[in-house]
Amino acid sequence: MAYCSQCGNEVRESDVFCRKCGSRQPVSGRIASDPLGGMSPRTAAVLCYIPFVGWIASIVVLAASRFREDLTIRFHAFQGLYLFVAWLIVDHVISPVFRGLPGHVPPVDNILKAAVLVVWIFMMVKAAHDERYSLPIIGELAARSISER
């Protein structure tokens, strides 16, 4: 049983305030629950490839202690991050270059954006089937990233 840090009255471990004096109780004894505790590795891998927002899930997975030793999930997280970087390069570097060219230019930037979107969906399917598929350049970067601990 725990006691109030101010008045010494008995308090439960889950109490934030003392019922007798109302003072706030220290939080050092409480254990935070793992927010990814109920998530399966397959779900975590699929979330890393959600178009445009998968980078958030990738960062959460890489930071989570639960998946720290799972190299397959970390591979998917890094590959999802690098795929998002590829999207950013196409959207913010290649697209402005093609928009600035004079005359009739084929929509190469739109084709590249569609290709990245198709690869995201392809990787979601692969991750949903528990397959570790390595993309040509991005997969090599992801494999190198998980080997550098």
N, C-alpha and C. Protein backbone atom coordinates (compact mmCIF):
# COMPACT_ATOMS: atom_id res chain seq x y z
N MET A 1 0.83 -1.18 0.00
CA MET A 1 0.00 0.00 0.00
C MET A 1 0.88 1.24 0.00
N ALA A 2 0.46 2.26 -0.73
CA ALA A 2 1.21 3.50 -0.81
C ALA A 2 0.63 4.53 0.15
N TYR A 3 1.44 5.52 0.46
CA TYR A 3 1.02 6.57 1.39
C TYR A 3 1.22 7.92 0.73
N CYS A 4 0.39 8.89 1.12
CA CYS A 4 0.45 10.24 0.58
C CYS A 4 1.80 10.87 0.90
N SER A 5 2.36 11.54 -0.08
CA SER A 5 3.65 12.18 0.11
C SER A 5 3.57 13.43 0.98
N GLN A 6 2.35 13.96 1.20
CA GLN A 6 2.16 15.19 1.98
C GLN A 6 1.72 14.89 3.42
N CYS A 7 0.60 14.10 3.55
CA CYS A 7 0.02 13.92 4.89
C CYS A 7 0.21 12.51 5.45
N GLY A 8 0.64 11.54 4.63
CA GLY A 8 0.86 10.19 5.12
C GLY A 8 -0.37 9.31 5.08
N ASN A 9 -1.49 9.79 4.60
CA ASN A 9 -2.71 9.00 4.49
C ASN A 9 -2.51 7.89 3.46
N GLU A 10 -3.21 6.74 3.66
CA GLU A 10 -3.11 5.66 2.69
C GLU A 10 -3.77 6.07 1.37
N VAL A 11 -3.08 5.81 0.27
CA VAL A 11 -3.61 6.06 -1.07
C VAL A 11 -3.36 4.83 -1.94
N ARG A 12 -4.21 4.66 -2.94
CA ARG A 12 -3.99 3.56 -3.88
C ARG A 12 -2.91 3.96 -4.89
N GLU A 13 -2.31 2.96 -5.52
CA GLU A 13 -1.26 3.22 -6.51
C GLU A 13 -1.79 4.04 -7.68
N SER A 14 -3.08 3.88 -7.99
CA SER A 14 -3.66 4.57 -9.15
C SER A 14 -4.15 5.98 -8.81
N ASP A 15 -4.14 6.37 -7.53
CA ASP A 15 -4.62 7.70 -7.15
C ASP A 15 -3.64 8.78 -7.61
N VAL A 16 -4.20 9.82 -8.22
CA VAL A 16 -3.39 10.95 -8.64
C VAL A 16 -3.34 11.98 -7.51
N PHE A 17 -4.45 12.10 -6.75
CA PHE A 17 -4.52 13.04 -5.64
C PHE A 17 -4.90 12.29 -4.37
N CYS A 18 -4.45 12.80 -3.25
CA CYS A 18 -4.79 12.23 -1.94
C CYS A 18 -6.24 12.57 -1.63
N ARG A 19 -7.00 11.60 -1.11
CA ARG A 19 -8.41 11.85 -0.77
C ARG A 19 -8.55 12.70 0.49
N LYS A 20 -7.54 12.72 1.33
CA LYS A 20 -7.64 13.47 2.58
C LYS A 20 -7.19 14.92 2.41
N CYS A 21 -5.97 15.13 1.88
CA CYS A 21 -5.45 16.50 1.79
C CYS A 21 -5.51 17.08 0.38
N GLY A 22 -5.72 16.25 -0.63
CA GLY A 22 -5.85 16.73 -2.00
C GLY A 22 -4.54 17.01 -2.72
N SER A 23 -3.42 16.66 -2.11
CA SER A 23 -2.14 16.95 -2.77
C SER A 23 -1.87 15.93 -3.88
N ARG A 24 -1.18 16.41 -4.90
CA ARG A 24 -0.84 15.56 -6.04
C ARG A 24 0.21 14.54 -5.61
N GLN A 25 0.03 13.30 -6.07
CA GLN A 25 0.95 12.22 -5.72
C GLN A 25 2.02 12.07 -6.79
N PRO A 26 3.24 11.69 -6.41
CA PRO A 26 4.30 11.52 -7.40
C PRO A 26 3.96 10.39 -8.38
N VAL A 27 4.40 10.55 -9.61
CA VAL A 27 4.07 9.57 -10.65
C VAL A 27 5.19 8.58 -10.90
N SER A 28 6.27 8.64 -10.16
CA SER A 28 7.42 7.79 -10.43
C SER A 28 7.11 6.31 -10.25
N GLY A 29 6.20 5.95 -9.41
CA GLY A 29 5.88 4.56 -9.16
C GLY A 29 4.95 3.95 -10.18
N ARG A 30 4.34 4.76 -11.02
CA ARG A 30 3.39 4.25 -11.99
C ARG A 30 4.11 3.81 -13.26
N ILE A 31 3.63 2.72 -13.83
CA ILE A 31 4.20 2.20 -15.06
C ILE A 31 3.25 2.54 -16.20
N ALA A 32 3.78 3.21 -17.21
CA ALA A 32 2.95 3.55 -18.36
C ALA A 32 2.72 2.31 -19.21
N SER A 33 1.51 2.19 -19.71
CA SER A 33 1.22 1.04 -20.55
C SER A 33 1.82 1.25 -21.94
N ASP A 34 2.16 0.17 -22.60
CA ASP A 34 2.75 0.24 -23.93
C ASP A 34 1.64 0.51 -24.94
N PRO A 35 1.68 1.64 -25.65
CA PRO A 35 0.62 1.94 -26.60
C PRO A 35 0.59 0.98 -27.78
N LEU A 36 1.69 0.31 -28.06
CA LEU A 36 1.74 -0.66 -29.15
C LEU A 36 1.60 -2.10 -28.65
N GLY A 37 1.21 -2.26 -27.40
CA GLY A 37 1.13 -3.58 -26.80
C GLY A 37 0.20 -4.54 -27.50
N GLY A 38 -0.92 -4.07 -28.01
CA GLY A 38 -1.88 -4.95 -28.66
C GLY A 38 -1.72 -5.03 -30.16
N MET A 39 -0.72 -4.36 -30.72
CA MET A 39 -0.55 -4.34 -32.17
C MET A 39 0.31 -5.51 -32.63
N SER A 40 -0.16 -6.20 -33.64
CA SER A 40 0.62 -7.32 -34.18
C SER A 40 1.74 -6.79 -35.06
N PRO A 41 2.80 -7.54 -35.24
CA PRO A 41 3.88 -7.11 -36.12
C PRO A 41 3.40 -6.89 -37.56
N ARG A 42 2.48 -7.70 -38.02
CA ARG A 42 1.95 -7.55 -39.38
C ARG A 42 1.25 -6.20 -39.53
N THR A 43 0.44 -5.82 -38.55
CA THR A 43 -0.25 -4.54 -38.60
C THR A 43 0.74 -3.39 -38.59
N ALA A 44 1.77 -3.49 -37.76
CA ALA A 44 2.79 -2.44 -37.71
C ALA A 44 3.48 -2.29 -39.05
N ALA A 45 3.78 -3.41 -39.71
CA ALA A 45 4.45 -3.36 -41.01
C ALA A 45 3.55 -2.72 -42.06
N VAL A 46 2.27 -3.08 -42.06
CA VAL A 46 1.34 -2.51 -43.04
C VAL A 46 1.18 -1.01 -42.83
N LEU A 47 1.10 -0.58 -41.59
CA LEU A 47 0.93 0.85 -41.29
C LEU A 47 2.09 1.69 -41.79
N CYS A 48 3.27 1.10 -41.89
CA CYS A 48 4.44 1.84 -42.35
C CYS A 48 4.35 2.22 -43.83
N TYR A 49 3.44 1.58 -44.57
CA TYR A 49 3.33 1.83 -46.00
C TYR A 49 2.06 2.58 -46.40
N ILE A 50 1.33 3.13 -45.45
CA ILE A 50 0.14 3.89 -45.80
C ILE A 50 0.58 5.14 -46.55
N PRO A 51 0.06 5.35 -47.76
CA PRO A 51 0.52 6.49 -48.55
C PRO A 51 0.35 7.83 -47.82
N PHE A 52 1.38 8.63 -47.89
CA PHE A 52 1.45 10.00 -47.38
C PHE A 52 1.55 10.12 -45.86
N VAL A 53 1.09 9.16 -45.06
CA VAL A 53 1.16 9.27 -43.60
C VAL A 53 1.88 8.08 -42.95
N GLY A 54 2.34 7.13 -43.75
CA GLY A 54 3.03 5.97 -43.21
C GLY A 54 4.34 6.31 -42.51
N TRP A 55 4.90 7.45 -42.84
CA TRP A 55 6.16 7.86 -42.19
C TRP A 55 5.96 8.06 -40.70
N ILE A 56 4.75 8.46 -40.30
CA ILE A 56 4.48 8.64 -38.87
C ILE A 56 4.52 7.29 -38.16
N ALA A 57 3.84 6.31 -38.75
CA ALA A 57 3.85 4.96 -38.17
C ALA A 57 5.26 4.39 -38.18
N SER A 58 6.03 4.68 -39.22
CA SER A 58 7.41 4.18 -39.29
C SER A 58 8.25 4.72 -38.13
N ILE A 59 8.11 5.99 -37.85
CA ILE A 59 8.87 6.59 -36.76
C ILE A 59 8.44 6.02 -35.41
N VAL A 60 7.14 5.83 -35.23
CA VAL A 60 6.64 5.25 -33.98
C VAL A 60 7.16 3.83 -33.82
N VAL A 61 7.13 3.05 -34.89
CA VAL A 61 7.61 1.66 -34.82
C VAL A 61 9.11 1.64 -34.51
N LEU A 62 9.88 2.51 -35.15
CA LEU A 62 11.32 2.53 -34.89
C LEU A 62 11.65 2.98 -33.47
N ALA A 63 10.80 3.82 -32.89
CA ALA A 63 11.04 4.31 -31.54
C ALA A 63 10.51 3.35 -30.47
N ALA A 64 9.63 2.45 -30.84
CA ALA A 64 9.00 1.56 -29.86
C ALA A 64 9.97 0.49 -29.38
N SER A 65 9.97 0.27 -28.10
CA SER A 65 10.84 -0.77 -27.54
C SER A 65 10.34 -2.16 -27.92
N ARG A 66 9.05 -2.29 -28.20
CA ARG A 66 8.48 -3.59 -28.54
C ARG A 66 9.08 -4.17 -29.82
N PHE A 67 9.37 -3.32 -30.80
CA PHE A 67 9.88 -3.79 -32.08
C PHE A 67 11.38 -3.55 -32.24
N ARG A 68 12.06 -3.27 -31.15
CA ARG A 68 13.49 -2.97 -31.21
C ARG A 68 14.32 -4.15 -31.73
N GLU A 69 13.94 -5.35 -31.40
CA GLU A 69 14.70 -6.53 -31.81
C GLU A 69 14.11 -7.24 -33.02
N ASP A 70 12.96 -6.80 -33.52
CA ASP A 70 12.31 -7.42 -34.67
C ASP A 70 12.85 -6.77 -35.95
N LEU A 71 13.82 -7.42 -36.56
CA LEU A 71 14.50 -6.83 -37.71
C LEU A 71 13.59 -6.72 -38.93
N THR A 72 12.64 -7.63 -39.08
CA THR A 72 11.73 -7.55 -40.22
C THR A 72 10.85 -6.32 -40.13
N ILE A 73 10.30 -6.04 -38.96
CA ILE A 73 9.43 -4.87 -38.79
C ILE A 73 10.26 -3.60 -38.93
N ARG A 74 11.46 -3.60 -38.41
CA ARG A 74 12.33 -2.42 -38.55
C ARG A 74 12.70 -2.20 -40.03
N PHE A 75 12.89 -3.30 -40.77
CA PHE A 75 13.14 -3.18 -42.20
C PHE A 75 11.96 -2.51 -42.90
N HIS A 76 10.74 -2.95 -42.59
CA HIS A 76 9.55 -2.33 -43.19
C HIS A 76 9.44 -0.86 -42.80
N ALA A 77 9.77 -0.55 -41.56
CA ALA A 77 9.68 0.85 -41.11
C ALA A 77 10.68 1.73 -41.86
N PHE A 78 11.92 1.26 -41.99
CA PHE A 78 12.91 2.05 -42.73
C PHE A 78 12.54 2.15 -44.21
N GLN A 79 12.09 1.05 -44.79
CA GLN A 79 11.73 1.08 -46.20
C GLN A 79 10.54 2.00 -46.43
N GLY A 80 9.57 2.01 -45.50
CA GLY A 80 8.45 2.94 -45.60
C GLY A 80 8.90 4.39 -45.51
N LEU A 81 9.85 4.66 -44.63
CA LEU A 81 10.40 6.02 -44.52
C LEU A 81 11.11 6.45 -45.81
N TYR A 82 11.93 5.56 -46.34
CA TYR A 82 12.67 5.89 -47.55
C TYR A 82 11.74 6.03 -48.76
N LEU A 83 10.66 5.28 -48.76
CA LEU A 83 9.68 5.42 -49.84
C LEU A 83 8.99 6.78 -49.77
N PHE A 84 8.74 7.25 -48.54
CA PHE A 84 8.18 8.58 -48.38
C PHE A 84 9.18 9.65 -48.84
N VAL A 85 10.45 9.44 -48.56
CA VAL A 85 11.47 10.37 -49.03
C VAL A 85 11.50 10.40 -50.56
N ALA A 86 11.32 9.24 -51.19
CA ALA A 86 11.26 9.20 -52.66
C ALA A 86 10.08 10.02 -53.16
N TRP A 87 8.93 9.91 -52.46
CA TRP A 87 7.77 10.73 -52.82
C TRP A 87 8.09 12.22 -52.70
N LEU A 88 8.75 12.59 -51.63
CA LEU A 88 9.11 14.00 -51.43
C LEU A 88 10.05 14.50 -52.53
N ILE A 89 10.98 13.67 -52.92
CA ILE A 89 11.91 14.06 -53.99
C ILE A 89 11.14 14.28 -55.29
N VAL A 90 10.23 13.36 -55.61
CA VAL A 90 9.44 13.52 -56.83
C VAL A 90 8.56 14.76 -56.74
N ASP A 91 7.92 14.95 -55.60
CA ASP A 91 6.95 16.05 -55.47
C ASP A 91 7.61 17.42 -55.37
N HIS A 92 8.72 17.52 -54.67
CA HIS A 92 9.32 18.83 -54.41
C HIS A 92 10.56 19.15 -55.24
N VAL A 93 11.12 18.16 -55.92
CA VAL A 93 12.30 18.43 -56.73
C VAL A 93 12.01 18.21 -58.21
N ILE A 94 11.52 17.03 -58.55
CA ILE A 94 11.31 16.70 -59.96
C ILE A 94 10.12 17.45 -60.55
N SER A 95 9.02 17.52 -59.82
CA SER A 95 7.83 18.22 -60.35
C SER A 95 8.10 19.69 -60.68
N PRO A 96 8.72 20.47 -59.81
CA PRO A 96 9.00 21.86 -60.18
C PRO A 96 9.92 22.00 -61.40
N VAL A 97 10.85 21.07 -61.57
CA VAL A 97 11.73 21.13 -62.73
C VAL A 97 10.92 20.94 -64.02
N PHE A 98 10.02 19.96 -64.02
CA PHE A 98 9.22 19.71 -65.22
C PHE A 98 8.18 20.80 -65.46
N ARG A 99 7.70 21.43 -64.42
CA ARG A 99 6.75 22.54 -64.60
C ARG A 99 7.44 23.77 -65.16
N GLY A 100 8.72 23.91 -64.93
CA GLY A 100 9.46 25.08 -65.38
C GLY A 100 10.00 24.97 -66.80
N LEU A 101 9.90 23.79 -67.39
CA LEU A 101 10.42 23.62 -68.75
C LEU A 101 9.46 24.24 -69.77
N PRO A 102 10.00 24.91 -70.77
CA PRO A 102 9.13 25.51 -71.80
C PRO A 102 8.64 24.46 -72.79
N GLY A 103 7.51 24.74 -73.41
CA GLY A 103 6.97 23.87 -74.44
C GLY A 103 6.17 22.72 -73.86
N HIS A 104 5.85 21.79 -74.74
CA HIS A 104 5.05 20.62 -74.35
C HIS A 104 5.99 19.53 -73.83
N VAL A 105 5.88 19.26 -72.53
CA VAL A 105 6.72 18.26 -71.88
C VAL A 105 5.82 17.14 -71.39
N PRO A 106 6.18 15.89 -71.63
CA PRO A 106 5.35 14.79 -71.13
C PRO A 106 5.27 14.83 -69.61
N PRO A 107 4.18 14.35 -69.05
CA PRO A 107 3.99 14.44 -67.58
C PRO A 107 4.79 13.39 -66.82
N VAL A 108 6.10 13.48 -66.92
CA VAL A 108 6.98 12.51 -66.26
C VAL A 108 6.79 12.55 -64.75
N ASP A 109 6.62 13.74 -64.20
CA ASP A 109 6.46 13.85 -62.75
C ASP A 109 5.19 13.16 -62.28
N ASN A 110 4.11 13.28 -63.04
CA ASN A 110 2.86 12.60 -62.66
C ASN A 110 2.99 11.08 -62.78
N ILE A 111 3.75 10.62 -63.76
CA ILE A 111 3.99 9.19 -63.90
C ILE A 111 4.81 8.67 -62.72
N LEU A 112 5.81 9.43 -62.30
CA LEU A 112 6.63 9.03 -61.15
C LEU A 112 5.82 9.03 -59.86
N LYS A 113 4.94 10.02 -59.70
CA LYS A 113 4.08 10.05 -58.51
C LYS A 113 3.16 8.83 -58.48
N ALA A 114 2.59 8.50 -59.64
CA ALA A 114 1.72 7.31 -59.71
C ALA A 114 2.51 6.04 -59.43
N ALA A 115 3.76 5.99 -59.90
CA ALA A 115 4.60 4.82 -59.64
C ALA A 115 4.89 4.65 -58.15
N VAL A 116 5.19 5.74 -57.46
CA VAL A 116 5.44 5.66 -56.02
C VAL A 116 4.17 5.22 -55.29
N LEU A 117 3.02 5.74 -55.70
CA LEU A 117 1.75 5.34 -55.09
C LEU A 117 1.48 3.85 -55.29
N VAL A 118 1.75 3.34 -56.49
CA VAL A 118 1.57 1.91 -56.77
C VAL A 118 2.52 1.08 -55.92
N VAL A 119 3.75 1.55 -55.75
CA VAL A 119 4.72 0.81 -54.93
C VAL A 119 4.26 0.80 -53.47
N TRP A 120 3.71 1.90 -52.97
CA TRP A 120 3.17 1.92 -51.60
C TRP A 120 2.10 0.85 -51.44
N ILE A 121 1.17 0.79 -52.36
CA ILE A 121 0.08 -0.19 -52.28
C ILE A 121 0.64 -1.60 -52.40
N PHE A 122 1.57 -1.81 -53.32
CA PHE A 122 2.22 -3.12 -53.49
C PHE A 122 2.88 -3.56 -52.19
N MET A 123 3.57 -2.64 -51.53
CA MET A 123 4.27 -2.98 -50.29
C MET A 123 3.29 -3.24 -49.14
N MET A 124 2.15 -2.55 -49.15
CA MET A 124 1.13 -2.84 -48.14
C MET A 124 0.64 -4.28 -48.28
N VAL A 125 0.44 -4.71 -49.52
CA VAL A 125 -0.01 -6.09 -49.77
C VAL A 125 1.06 -7.08 -49.34
N LYS A 126 2.30 -6.81 -49.70
CA LYS A 126 3.40 -7.70 -49.31
C LYS A 126 3.53 -7.79 -47.78
N ALA A 127 3.43 -6.66 -47.11
CA ALA A 127 3.53 -6.66 -45.65
C ALA A 127 2.34 -7.38 -45.02
N ALA A 128 1.17 -7.25 -45.63
CA ALA A 128 -0.02 -7.93 -45.10
C ALA A 128 0.11 -9.45 -45.21
N HIS A 129 0.92 -9.92 -46.16
CA HIS A 129 1.16 -11.35 -46.32
C HIS A 129 2.43 -11.81 -45.61
N ASP A 130 2.96 -10.98 -44.74
CA ASP A 130 4.19 -11.27 -43.98
C ASP A 130 5.38 -11.58 -44.88
N GLU A 131 5.47 -10.90 -46.00
CA GLU A 131 6.59 -11.08 -46.92
C GLU A 131 7.53 -9.89 -46.79
N ARG A 132 8.79 -10.19 -46.71
CA ARG A 132 9.81 -9.14 -46.66
C ARG A 132 10.33 -8.95 -48.08
N TYR A 133 9.76 -8.00 -48.77
CA TYR A 133 10.15 -7.72 -50.15
C TYR A 133 11.05 -6.49 -50.15
N SER A 134 12.21 -6.63 -50.76
CA SER A 134 13.16 -5.54 -50.78
C SER A 134 13.09 -4.81 -52.12
N LEU A 135 12.75 -3.53 -52.07
CA LEU A 135 12.72 -2.70 -53.27
C LEU A 135 14.15 -2.46 -53.75
N PRO A 136 14.35 -2.21 -55.06
CA PRO A 136 15.72 -2.13 -55.60
C PRO A 136 16.69 -1.23 -54.84
N ILE A 137 16.51 0.03 -54.76
CA ILE A 137 17.49 0.90 -54.09
C ILE A 137 17.07 1.16 -52.65
N ILE A 138 15.80 1.40 -52.46
CA ILE A 138 15.27 1.72 -51.14
C ILE A 138 15.42 0.55 -50.18
N GLY A 139 15.22 -0.66 -50.67
CA GLY A 139 15.37 -1.85 -49.83
C GLY A 139 16.80 -2.05 -49.37
N GLU A 140 17.76 -1.74 -50.25
CA GLU A 140 19.17 -1.84 -49.86
C GLU A 140 19.50 -0.83 -48.76
N LEU A 141 18.96 0.37 -48.89
CA LEU A 141 19.16 1.38 -47.84
C LEU A 141 18.54 0.94 -46.52
N ALA A 142 17.34 0.35 -46.60
CA ALA A 142 16.66 -0.12 -45.38
C ALA A 142 17.45 -1.25 -44.73
N ALA A 143 17.95 -2.18 -45.53
CA ALA A 143 18.74 -3.29 -44.98
C ALA A 143 20.02 -2.76 -44.32
N ARG A 144 20.62 -1.77 -44.94
CA ARG A 144 21.83 -1.18 -44.36
C ARG A 144 21.49 -0.45 -43.05
N SER A 145 20.32 0.17 -43.00
CA SER A 145 19.93 0.91 -41.80
C SER A 145 19.68 0.00 -40.61
N ILE A 146 19.09 -1.17 -40.85
CA ILE A 146 18.84 -2.07 -39.71
C ILE A 146 20.11 -2.77 -39.27
N SER A 147 21.11 -2.84 -40.16
CA SER A 147 22.36 -3.49 -39.75
C SER A 147 23.25 -2.54 -38.95
N GLU A 148 23.01 -1.25 -39.07
CA GLU A 148 23.80 -0.26 -38.31
C GLU A 148 23.12 0.04 -37.00
N ARG A 149 23.41 -0.72 -36.00
CA ARG A 149 22.74 -0.55 -34.72
C ARG A 149 23.51 0.39 -33.89
